[in-house]
């Protein structure tokens, strides 16, 4: 993983811990593994929520759909599930960083 991306992910996690009291490193790892597997299975794409998919895969797909819109940044600050998904998307090279 490039050093710049590692630094950005570290900053995201630090910011998340400041913003959300219930932010968990173990949950971050679990979501990363889920998103990595979803990517390998071709489940990550711009699509509406699907009740057959994990909540984090649905969050990731929502973020892919909202990327480059005004709503994108707002959703990251409102819901911890989307923040976990965003960190995993960045870590799996599924989305570029916004900063």
PDB file of N, CA and C in Angstrom:
ATOM      1  N   UNK A   1       0.849  -1.164   0.000  1.00  0.00           N
ATOM      2  CA  UNK A   1       0.000   0.000   0.000  1.00  0.00           C
ATOM      3  C   UNK A   1       0.901   1.236   0.000  1.00  0.00           C
ATOM      4  N   UNK A   2       0.668   2.174  -0.901  1.00  0.00           N
ATOM      5  CA  UNK A   2       1.513   3.363  -0.933  1.00  0.00           C
ATOM      6  C   UNK A   2       1.461   4.127   0.387  1.00  0.00           C
ATOM      7  N   UNK A   3       2.577   4.782   0.703  1.00  0.00           N
ATOM      8  CA  UNK A   3       2.679   5.478   1.976  1.00  0.00           C
ATOM      9  C   UNK A   3       1.638   6.588   2.098  1.00  0.00           C
ATOM     10  N   UNK A   4       1.355   7.304   1.010  1.00  0.00           N
ATOM     11  CA  UNK A   4       0.372   8.388   1.042  1.00  0.00           C
ATOM     12  C   UNK A   4      -1.002   7.852   1.413  1.00  0.00           C
ATOM     13  N   UNK A   5      -1.381   6.714   0.836  1.00  0.00           N
ATOM     14  CA  UNK A   5      -2.683   6.132   1.144  1.00  0.00           C
ATOM     15  C   UNK A   5      -2.722   5.650   2.592  1.00  0.00           C
ATOM     16  N   UNK A   6      -1.642   5.032   3.059  1.00  0.00           N
ATOM     17  CA  UNK A   6      -1.566   4.606   4.469  1.00  0.00           C
ATOM     18  C   UNK A   6      -1.765   5.791   5.400  1.00  0.00           C
ATOM     19  N   UNK A   7      -1.115   6.898   5.077  1.00  0.00           N
ATOM     20  CA  UNK A   7      -1.219   8.096   5.909  1.00  0.00           C
ATOM     21  C   UNK A   7      -2.662   8.601   5.906  1.00  0.00           C
ATOM     22  N   UNK A   8      -3.277   8.615   4.734  1.00  0.00           N
ATOM     23  CA  UNK A   8      -4.657   9.093   4.646  1.00  0.00           C
ATOM     24  C   UNK A   8      -5.595   8.185   5.440  1.00  0.00           C
ATOM     25  N   UNK A   9      -5.418   6.886   5.350  1.00  0.00           N
ATOM     26  CA  UNK A   9      -6.262   5.955   6.099  1.00  0.00           C
ATOM     27  C   UNK A   9      -6.056   6.148   7.599  1.00  0.00           C
ATOM     28  N   UNK A  10      -4.812   6.328   8.019  1.00  0.00           N
ATOM     29  CA  UNK A  10      -4.521   6.584   9.426  1.00  0.00           C
ATOM     30  C   UNK A  10      -5.213   7.861   9.894  1.00  0.00           C
ATOM     31  N   UNK A  11      -5.179   8.895   9.067  1.00  0.00           N
ATOM     32  CA  UNK A  11      -5.845  10.157   9.406  1.00  0.00           C
ATOM     33  C   UNK A  11      -7.362   9.981   9.469  1.00  0.00           C
ATOM     34  N   UNK A  12      -7.912   9.208   8.537  1.00  0.00           N
ATOM     35  CA  UNK A  12      -9.353   8.936   8.549  1.00  0.00           C
ATOM     36  C   UNK A  12      -9.763   8.234   9.840  1.00  0.00           C
ATOM     37  N   UNK A  13      -8.996   7.245  10.238  1.00  0.00           N
ATOM     38  CA  UNK A  13      -9.303   6.492  11.455  1.00  0.00           C
ATOM     39  C   UNK A  13      -9.200   7.392  12.681  1.00  0.00           C
ATOM     40  N   UNK A  14      -8.172   8.218  12.728  1.00  0.00           N
ATOM     41  CA  UNK A  14      -8.015   9.141  13.859  1.00  0.00           C
ATOM     42  C   UNK A  14      -9.208  10.092  13.926  1.00  0.00           C
ATOM     43  N   UNK A  15      -9.582  10.645  12.797  1.00  0.00           N
ATOM     44  CA  UNK A  15     -10.723  11.562  12.741  1.00  0.00           C
ATOM     45  C   UNK A  15     -12.016  10.856  13.141  1.00  0.00           C
ATOM     46  N   UNK A  16     -12.180   9.623  12.684  1.00  0.00           N
ATOM     47  CA  UNK A  16     -13.385   8.852  13.015  1.00  0.00           C
ATOM     48  C   UNK A  16     -13.487   8.608  14.518  1.00  0.00           C
ATOM     49  N   UNK A  17     -12.350   8.316  15.145  1.00  0.00           N
ATOM     50  CA  UNK A  17     -12.339   8.084  16.595  1.00  0.00           C
ATOM     51  C   UNK A  17     -12.723   9.342  17.361  1.00  0.00           C
ATOM     52  N   UNK A  18     -12.345  10.501  16.815  1.00  0.00           N
ATOM     53  CA  UNK A  18     -12.711  11.766  17.444  1.00  0.00           C
ATOM     54  C   UNK A  18     -14.197  12.076  17.248  1.00  0.00           C
ATOM     55  N   UNK A  19     -14.714  11.698  16.096  1.00  0.00           N
ATOM     56  CA  UNK A  19     -16.100  12.021  15.752  1.00  0.00           C
ATOM     57  C   UNK A  19     -17.105  11.039  16.350  1.00  0.00           C
ATOM     58  N   UNK A  20     -16.770   9.763  16.345  1.00  0.00           N
ATOM     59  CA  UNK A  20     -17.683   8.735  16.816  1.00  0.00           C
ATOM     60  C   UNK A  20     -17.071   8.019  18.022  1.00  0.00           C
ATOM     61  N   UNK A  21     -17.730   8.104  19.165  1.00  0.00           N
ATOM     62  CA  UNK A  21     -17.235   7.450  20.378  1.00  0.00           C
ATOM     63  C   UNK A  21     -17.172   5.935  20.237  1.00  0.00           C
ATOM     64  N   UNK A  22     -18.046   5.384  19.413  1.00  0.00           N
ATOM     65  CA  UNK A  22     -18.132   3.934  19.283  1.00  0.00           C
ATOM     66  C   UNK A  22     -17.320   3.389  18.106  1.00  0.00           C
ATOM     67  N   UNK A  23     -16.409   4.187  17.538  1.00  0.00           N
ATOM     68  CA  UNK A  23     -15.581   3.713  16.432  1.00  0.00           C
ATOM     69  C   UNK A  23     -14.651   2.618  16.934  1.00  0.00           C
ATOM     70  N   UNK A  24     -14.554   1.538  16.176  1.00  0.00           N
ATOM     71  CA  UNK A  24     -13.811   0.361  16.613  1.00  0.00           C
ATOM     72  C   UNK A  24     -12.774  -0.072  15.574  1.00  0.00           C
ATOM     73  N   UNK A  25     -11.539  -0.281  16.029  1.00  0.00           N
ATOM     74  CA  UNK A  25     -10.494  -0.784  15.135  1.00  0.00           C
ATOM     75  C   UNK A  25     -10.824  -2.187  14.635  1.00  0.00           C
ATOM     76  N   UNK A  26     -11.381  -3.020  15.505  1.00  0.00           N
ATOM     77  CA  UNK A  26     -11.719  -4.383  15.083  1.00  0.00           C
ATOM     78  C   UNK A  26     -12.839  -4.365  14.041  1.00  0.00           C
ATOM     79  N   UNK A  27     -13.787  -3.461  14.197  1.00  0.00           N
ATOM     80  CA  UNK A  27     -14.863  -3.337  13.205  1.00  0.00           C
ATOM     81  C   UNK A  27     -14.292  -2.833  11.874  1.00  0.00           C
ATOM     82  N   UNK A  28     -13.326  -1.936  11.941  1.00  0.00           N
ATOM     83  CA  UNK A  28     -12.667  -1.440  10.725  1.00  0.00           C
ATOM     84  C   UNK A  28     -12.046  -2.606   9.966  1.00  0.00           C
ATOM     85  N   UNK A  29     -11.373  -3.485  10.676  1.00  0.00           N
ATOM     86  CA  UNK A  29     -10.739  -4.648  10.045  1.00  0.00           C
ATOM     87  C   UNK A  29     -11.786  -5.592   9.459  1.00  0.00           C
ATOM     88  N   UNK A  30     -12.859  -5.820  10.188  1.00  0.00           N
ATOM     89  CA  UNK A  30     -13.934  -6.706   9.712  1.00  0.00           C
ATOM     90  C   UNK A  30     -14.573  -6.145   8.440  1.00  0.00           C
ATOM     91  N   UNK A  31     -14.833  -4.844   8.435  1.00  0.00           N
ATOM     92  CA  UNK A  31     -15.439  -4.216   7.256  1.00  0.00           C
ATOM     93  C   UNK A  31     -14.470  -4.274   6.081  1.00  0.00           C
ATOM     94  N   UNK A  32     -13.180  -4.052   6.343  1.00  0.00           N
ATOM     95  CA  UNK A  32     -12.178  -4.163   5.281  1.00  0.00           C
ATOM     96  C   UNK A  32     -12.227  -5.545   4.634  1.00  0.00           C
ATOM     97  N   UNK A  33     -12.256  -6.586   5.452  1.00  0.00           N
ATOM     98  CA  UNK A  33     -12.302  -7.953   4.909  1.00  0.00           C
ATOM     99  C   UNK A  33     -13.592  -8.197   4.121  1.00  0.00           C
ATOM    100  N   UNK A  34     -14.700  -7.653   4.616  1.00  0.00           N
ATOM    101  CA  UNK A  34     -15.982  -7.805   3.921  1.00  0.00           C
ATOM    102  C   UNK A  34     -15.954  -7.107   2.565  1.00  0.00           C
ATOM    103  N   UNK A  35     -15.449  -5.886   2.539  1.00  0.00           N
ATOM    104  CA  UNK A  35     -15.405  -5.115   1.288  1.00  0.00           C
ATOM    105  C   UNK A  35     -14.412  -5.751   0.312  1.00  0.00           C
ATOM    106  N   UNK A  36     -13.299  -6.232   0.828  1.00  0.00           N
ATOM    107  CA  UNK A  36     -12.307  -6.910  -0.018  1.00  0.00           C
ATOM    108  C   UNK A  36     -12.931  -8.134  -0.691  1.00  0.00           C
ATOM    109  N   UNK A  37     -13.680  -8.918   0.069  1.00  0.00           N
ATOM    110  CA  UNK A  37     -14.357 -10.103  -0.480  1.00  0.00           C
ATOM    111  C   UNK A  37     -15.448  -9.695  -1.465  1.00  0.00           C
ATOM    112  N   UNK A  38     -16.205  -8.658  -1.131  1.00  0.00           N
ATOM    113  CA  UNK A  38     -17.261  -8.181  -2.035  1.00  0.00           C
ATOM    114  C   UNK A  38     -16.656  -7.719  -3.356  1.00  0.00           C
ATOM    115  N   UNK A  39     -15.527  -7.052  -3.290  1.00  0.00           N
ATOM    116  CA  UNK A  39     -14.852  -6.607  -4.512  1.00  0.00           C
ATOM    117  C   UNK A  39     -14.423  -7.809  -5.348  1.00  0.00           C
ATOM    118  N   UNK A  40     -13.842  -8.814  -4.691  1.00  0.00           N
ATOM    119  CA  UNK A  40     -13.394 -10.020  -5.400  1.00  0.00           C
ATOM    120  C   UNK A  40     -14.568 -10.752  -6.067  1.00  0.00           C
ATOM    121  N   UNK A  41     -15.752 -10.664  -5.462  1.00  0.00           N
ATOM    122  CA  UNK A  41     -16.935 -11.331  -6.001  1.00  0.00           C
ATOM    123  C   UNK A  41     -17.731 -10.459  -6.981  1.00  0.00           C
ATOM    124  N   UNK A  42     -17.264  -9.241  -7.215  1.00  0.00           N
ATOM    125  CA  UNK A  42     -17.941  -8.353  -8.150  1.00  0.00           C
ATOM    126  C   UNK A  42     -19.214  -7.734  -7.602  1.00  0.00           C
ATOM    127  N   UNK A  43     -19.317  -7.616  -6.279  1.00  0.00           N
ATOM    128  CA  UNK A  43     -20.520  -7.074  -5.653  1.00  0.00           C
ATOM    129  C   UNK A  43     -20.472  -5.567  -5.430  1.00  0.00           C
ATOM    130  N   UNK A  44     -19.313  -4.941  -5.686  1.00  0.00           N
ATOM    131  CA  UNK A  44     -19.200  -3.504  -5.506  1.00  0.00           C
ATOM    132  C   UNK A  44     -19.506  -2.817  -6.831  1.00  0.00           C
ATOM    133  N   UNK A  45     -20.574  -2.038  -6.833  1.00  0.00           N
ATOM    134  CA  UNK A  45     -20.951  -1.280  -8.025  1.00  0.00           C
ATOM    135  C   UNK A  45     -22.004  -0.250  -7.642  1.00  0.00           C
ATOM    136  N   UNK A  46     -22.185   0.701  -8.510  1.00  0.00           N
ATOM    137  CA  UNK A  46     -23.193   1.740  -8.280  1.00  0.00           C
ATOM    138  C   UNK A  46     -24.565   1.097  -8.426  1.00  0.00           C
ATOM    139  N   UNK A  47     -25.217   0.842  -7.307  1.00  0.00           N
ATOM    140  CA  UNK A  47     -26.536   0.232  -7.331  1.00  0.00           C
ATOM    141  C   UNK A  47     -27.291   0.603  -6.061  1.00  0.00           C
ATOM    142  N   UNK A  48     -28.609   0.547  -6.108  1.00  0.00           N
ATOM    143  CA  UNK A  48     -29.392   0.831  -4.897  1.00  0.00           C
ATOM    144  C   UNK A  48     -29.186  -0.277  -3.867  1.00  0.00           C
ATOM    145  N   UNK A  49     -29.559  -0.015  -2.608  1.00  0.00           N
ATOM    146  CA  UNK A  49     -29.411  -1.036  -1.566  1.00  0.00           C
ATOM    147  C   UNK A  49     -30.106  -2.349  -1.955  1.00  0.00           C
ATOM    148  N   UNK A  50     -29.495  -3.435  -1.562  1.00  0.00           N
ATOM    149  CA  UNK A  50     -30.005  -4.773  -1.859  1.00  0.00           C
ATOM    150  C   UNK A  50     -30.082  -5.519  -0.532  1.00  0.00           C
ATOM    151  N   UNK A  51     -31.255  -5.965  -0.156  1.00  0.00           N
ATOM    152  CA  UNK A  51     -31.413  -6.601   1.156  1.00  0.00           C
ATOM    153  C   UNK A  51     -30.630  -7.906   1.291  1.00  0.00           C
ATOM    154  N   UNK A  52     -30.152  -8.447   0.190  1.00  0.00           N
ATOM    155  CA  UNK A  52     -29.359  -9.673   0.246  1.00  0.00           C
ATOM    156  C   UNK A  52     -27.875  -9.400   0.528  1.00  0.00           C
ATOM    157  N   UNK A  53     -27.489  -8.125   0.504  1.00  0.00           N
ATOM    158  CA  UNK A  53     -26.093  -7.771   0.743  1.00  0.00           C
ATOM    159  C   UNK A  53     -25.899  -7.270   2.174  1.00  0.00           C
ATOM    160  N   UNK A  54     -24.712  -7.434   2.682  1.00  0.00           N
ATOM    161  CA  UNK A  54     -24.299  -6.943   3.989  1.00  0.00           C
ATOM    162  C   UNK A  54     -24.480  -5.426   4.049  1.00  0.00           C
ATOM    163  N   UNK A  55     -24.762  -4.902   5.245  1.00  0.00           N
ATOM    164  CA  UNK A  55     -24.979  -3.458   5.402  1.00  0.00           C
ATOM    165  C   UNK A  55     -23.785  -2.645   4.939  1.00  0.00           C
ATOM    166  N   UNK A  56     -22.574  -3.165   5.115  1.00  0.00           N
ATOM    167  CA  UNK A  56     -21.385  -2.425   4.710  1.00  0.00           C
ATOM    168  C   UNK A  56     -21.182  -2.454   3.198  1.00  0.00           C
ATOM    169  N   UNK A  57     -21.566  -3.544   2.554  1.00  0.00           N
ATOM    170  CA  UNK A  57     -21.500  -3.607   1.095  1.00  0.00           C
ATOM    171  C   UNK A  57     -22.519  -2.630   0.512  1.00  0.00           C
ATOM    172  N   UNK A  58     -23.704  -2.574   1.103  1.00  0.00           N
ATOM    173  CA  UNK A  58     -24.690  -1.592   0.666  1.00  0.00           C
ATOM    174  C   UNK A  58     -24.183  -0.169   0.887  1.00  0.00           C
ATOM    175  N   UNK A  59     -23.531   0.080   2.008  1.00  0.00           N
ATOM    176  CA  UNK A  59     -22.967   1.410   2.273  1.00  0.00           C
ATOM    177  C   UNK A  59     -21.886   1.740   1.249  1.00  0.00           C
ATOM    178  N   UNK A  60     -21.037   0.780   0.947  1.00  0.00           N
ATOM    179  CA  UNK A  60     -19.981   0.995  -0.045  1.00  0.00           C
ATOM    180  C   UNK A  60     -20.577   1.295  -1.413  1.00  0.00           C
ATOM    181  N   UNK A  61     -21.600   0.549  -1.808  1.00  0.00           N
ATOM    182  CA  UNK A  61     -22.237   0.792  -3.097  1.00  0.00           C
ATOM    183  C   UNK A  61     -22.898   2.165  -3.141  1.00  0.00           C
ATOM    184  N   UNK A  62     -23.471   2.572  -2.032  1.00  0.00           N
ATOM    185  CA  UNK A  62     -24.066   3.909  -1.940  1.00  0.00           C
ATOM    186  C   UNK A  62     -22.980   4.970  -2.120  1.00  0.00           C
ATOM    187  N   UNK A  63     -21.838   4.781  -1.468  1.00  0.00           N
ATOM    188  CA  UNK A  63     -20.740   5.732  -1.602  1.00  0.00           C
ATOM    189  C   UNK A  63     -20.222   5.790  -3.030  1.00  0.00           C
ATOM    190  N   UNK A  64     -20.129   4.649  -3.677  1.00  0.00           N
ATOM    191  CA  UNK A  64     -19.706   4.636  -5.083  1.00  0.00           C
ATOM    192  C   UNK A  64     -20.694   5.420  -5.942  1.00  0.00           C
ATOM    193  N   UNK A  65     -21.954   5.321  -5.592  1.00  0.00           N
ATOM    194  CA  UNK A  65     -23.005   6.028  -6.322  1.00  0.00           C
ATOM    195  C   UNK A  65     -22.955   7.537  -6.069  1.00  0.00           C
ATOM    196  N   UNK A  66     -22.625   7.925  -4.842  1.00  0.00           N
ATOM    197  CA  UNK A  66     -22.622   9.340  -4.465  1.00  0.00           C
ATOM    198  C   UNK A  66     -21.285  10.035  -4.689  1.00  0.00           C
ATOM    199  N   UNK A  67     -20.263   9.263  -5.029  1.00  0.00           N
ATOM    200  CA  UNK A  67     -18.921   9.826  -5.182  1.00  0.00           C
ATOM    201  C   UNK A  67     -18.968  11.011  -6.144  1.00  0.00           C
ATOM    202  N   UNK A  68     -18.250  12.060  -5.825  1.00  0.00           N
ATOM    203  CA  UNK A  68     -18.187  13.305  -6.610  1.00  0.00           C
ATOM    204  C   UNK A  68     -19.488  14.096  -6.575  1.00  0.00           C
ATOM    205  N   UNK A  69     -20.294  13.894  -5.543  1.00  0.00           N
ATOM    206  CA  UNK A  69     -21.492  14.711  -5.349  1.00  0.00           C
ATOM    207  C   UNK A  69     -21.376  15.433  -4.010  1.00  0.00           C
ATOM    208  N   UNK A  70     -22.222  16.410  -3.810  1.00  0.00           N
ATOM    209  CA  UNK A  70     -22.221  17.143  -2.544  1.00  0.00           C
ATOM    210  C   UNK A  70     -22.653  16.253  -1.383  1.00  0.00           C
ATOM    211  N   UNK A  71     -23.449  15.253  -1.653  1.00  0.00           N
ATOM    212  CA  UNK A  71     -23.959  14.366  -0.604  1.00  0.00           C
ATOM    213  C   UNK A  71     -22.876  13.448  -0.036  1.00  0.00           C
ATOM    214  N   UNK A  72     -21.836  13.211  -0.809  1.00  0.00           N
ATOM    215  CA  UNK A  72     -20.800  12.249  -0.424  1.00  0.00           C
ATOM    216  C   UNK A  72     -20.161  12.606   0.918  1.00  0.00           C
ATOM    217  N   UNK A  73     -19.639  13.813   1.038  1.00  0.00           N
ATOM    218  CA  UNK A  73     -18.964  14.220   2.278  1.00  0.00           C
ATOM    219  C   UNK A  73     -19.928  14.241   3.453  1.00  0.00           C
ATOM    220  N   UNK A  74     -21.144  14.648   3.200  1.00  0.00           N
ATOM    221  CA  UNK A  74     -22.142  14.742   4.277  1.00  0.00           C
ATOM    222  C   UNK A  74     -22.450  13.371   4.871  1.00  0.00           C
ATOM    223  N   UNK A  75     -22.585  12.379   4.029  1.00  0.00           N
ATOM    224  CA  UNK A  75     -22.953  11.046   4.533  1.00  0.00           C
ATOM    225  C   UNK A  75     -21.821  10.442   5.370  1.00  0.00           C
ATOM    226  N   UNK A  76     -20.587  10.799   5.067  1.00  0.00           N
ATOM    227  CA  UNK A  76     -19.453  10.273   5.836  1.00  0.00           C
ATOM    228  C   UNK A  76     -19.441  10.790   7.265  1.00  0.00           C
ATOM    229  N   UNK A  77     -19.997  11.962   7.478  1.00  0.00           N
ATOM    230  CA  UNK A  77     -20.002  12.538   8.820  1.00  0.00           C
ATOM    231  C   UNK A  77     -21.258  12.187   9.607  1.00  0.00           C
ATOM    232  N   UNK A  78     -22.239  11.595   8.952  1.00  0.00           N
ATOM    233  CA  UNK A  78     -23.513  11.318   9.607  1.00  0.00           C
ATOM    234  C   UNK A  78     -23.670   9.871  10.065  1.00  0.00           C
ATOM    235  N   UNK A  79     -23.024   8.950   9.396  1.00  0.00           N
ATOM    236  CA  UNK A  79     -23.268   7.536   9.683  1.00  0.00           C
ATOM    237  C   UNK A  79     -21.951   6.772   9.718  1.00  0.00           C
ATOM    238  N   UNK A  80     -21.679   6.147  10.832  1.00  0.00           N
ATOM    239  CA  UNK A  80     -20.413   5.436  11.027  1.00  0.00           C
ATOM    240  C   UNK A  80     -20.248   4.271  10.039  1.00  0.00           C
ATOM    241  N   UNK A  81     -21.348   3.624   9.639  1.00  0.00           N
ATOM    242  CA  UNK A  81     -21.254   2.523   8.677  1.00  0.00           C
ATOM    243  C   UNK A  81     -20.630   2.992   7.362  1.00  0.00           C
ATOM    244  N   UNK A  82     -20.986   4.193   6.938  1.00  0.00           N
ATOM    245  CA  UNK A  82     -20.447   4.733   5.694  1.00  0.00           C
ATOM    246  C   UNK A  82     -18.970   5.086   5.840  1.00  0.00           C
ATOM    247  N   UNK A  83     -18.587   5.519   7.015  1.00  0.00           N
ATOM    248  CA  UNK A  83     -17.181   5.824   7.254  1.00  0.00           C
ATOM    249  C   UNK A  83     -16.341   4.545   7.234  1.00  0.00           C
ATOM    250  N   UNK A  84     -16.829   3.492   7.885  1.00  0.00           N
ATOM    251  CA  UNK A  84     -16.141   2.195   7.814  1.00  0.00           C
ATOM    252  C   UNK A  84     -16.014   1.752   6.354  1.00  0.00           C
ATOM    253  N   UNK A  85     -17.096   1.865   5.607  1.00  0.00           N
ATOM    254  CA  UNK A  85     -17.096   1.441   4.205  1.00  0.00           C
ATOM    255  C   UNK A  85     -16.121   2.280   3.385  1.00  0.00           C
ATOM    256  N   UNK A  86     -16.097   3.585   3.639  1.00  0.00           N
ATOM    257  CA  UNK A  86     -15.179   4.455   2.887  1.00  0.00           C
ATOM    258  C   UNK A  86     -13.722   4.076   3.143  1.00  0.00           C
ATOM    259  N   UNK A  87     -13.375   3.854   4.403  1.00  0.00           N
ATOM    260  CA  UNK A  87     -12.004   3.451   4.731  1.00  0.00           C
ATOM    261  C   UNK A  87     -11.640   2.156   4.003  1.00  0.00           C
ATOM    262  N   UNK A  88     -12.569   1.206   3.980  1.00  0.00           N
ATOM    263  CA  UNK A  88     -12.324  -0.067   3.288  1.00  0.00           C
ATOM    264  C   UNK A  88     -12.215   0.135   1.781  1.00  0.00           C
ATOM    265  N   UNK A  89     -13.043   1.005   1.214  1.00  0.00           N
ATOM    266  CA  UNK A  89     -12.968   1.278  -0.224  1.00  0.00           C
ATOM    267  C   UNK A  89     -11.619   1.889  -0.594  1.00  0.00           C
ATOM    268  N   UNK A  90     -11.138   2.805   0.221  1.00  0.00           N
ATOM    269  CA  UNK A  90      -9.823   3.415  -0.023  1.00  0.00           C
ATOM    270  C   UNK A  90      -8.730   2.352   0.103  1.00  0.00           C
ATOM    271  N   UNK A  91      -8.813   1.545   1.136  1.00  0.00           N
ATOM    272  CA  UNK A  91      -7.788   0.528   1.385  1.00  0.00           C
ATOM    273  C   UNK A  91      -7.740  -0.542   0.300  1.00  0.00           C
ATOM    274  N   UNK A  92      -8.863  -0.793  -0.371  1.00  0.00           N
ATOM    275  CA  UNK A  92      -8.904  -1.817  -1.426  1.00  0.00           C
ATOM    276  C   UNK A  92      -8.781  -1.204  -2.825  1.00  0.00           C
ATOM    277  N   UNK A  93      -8.412   0.071  -2.883  1.00  0.00           N
ATOM    278  CA  UNK A  93      -8.263   0.776  -4.166  1.00  0.00           C
ATOM    279  C   UNK A  93      -9.552   0.773  -4.985  1.00  0.00           C
ATOM    280  N   UNK A  94     -10.678   0.792  -4.310  1.00  0.00           N
ATOM    281  CA  UNK A  94     -11.968   0.804  -4.994  1.00  0.00           C
ATOM    282  C   UNK A  94     -12.480   2.218  -5.209  1.00  0.00           C
ATOM    283  N   UNK A  95     -11.861   3.164  -4.520  1.00  0.00           N
ATOM    284  CA  UNK A  95     -12.255   4.569  -4.619  1.00  0.00           C
ATOM    285  C   UNK A  95     -11.019   5.395  -4.284  1.00  0.00           C
ATOM    286  N   UNK A  96     -10.905   6.562  -4.889  1.00  0.00           N
ATOM    287  CA  UNK A  96      -9.759   7.413  -4.569  1.00  0.00           C
ATOM    288  C   UNK A  96     -10.111   8.277  -3.360  1.00  0.00           C
ATOM    289  N   UNK A  97      -9.086   8.739  -2.692  1.00  0.00           N
ATOM    290  CA  UNK A  97      -9.307   9.566  -1.504  1.00  0.00           C
ATOM    291  C   UNK A  97      -9.836  10.922  -1.913  1.00  0.00           C
ATOM    292  N   UNK A  98     -10.589  11.536  -1.005  1.00  0.00           N
ATOM    293  CA  UNK A  98     -11.194  12.832  -1.305  1.00  0.00           C
ATOM    294  C   UNK A  98     -10.329  13.983  -0.826  1.00  0.00           C
ATOM    295  N   UNK A  99      -9.280  13.697  -0.128  1.00  0.00           N
ATOM    296  CA  UNK A  99      -8.421  14.782   0.374  1.00  0.00           C
ATOM    297  C   UNK A  99      -6.999  14.576  -0.058  1.00  0.00           C
TER     298      UNK A  99
END
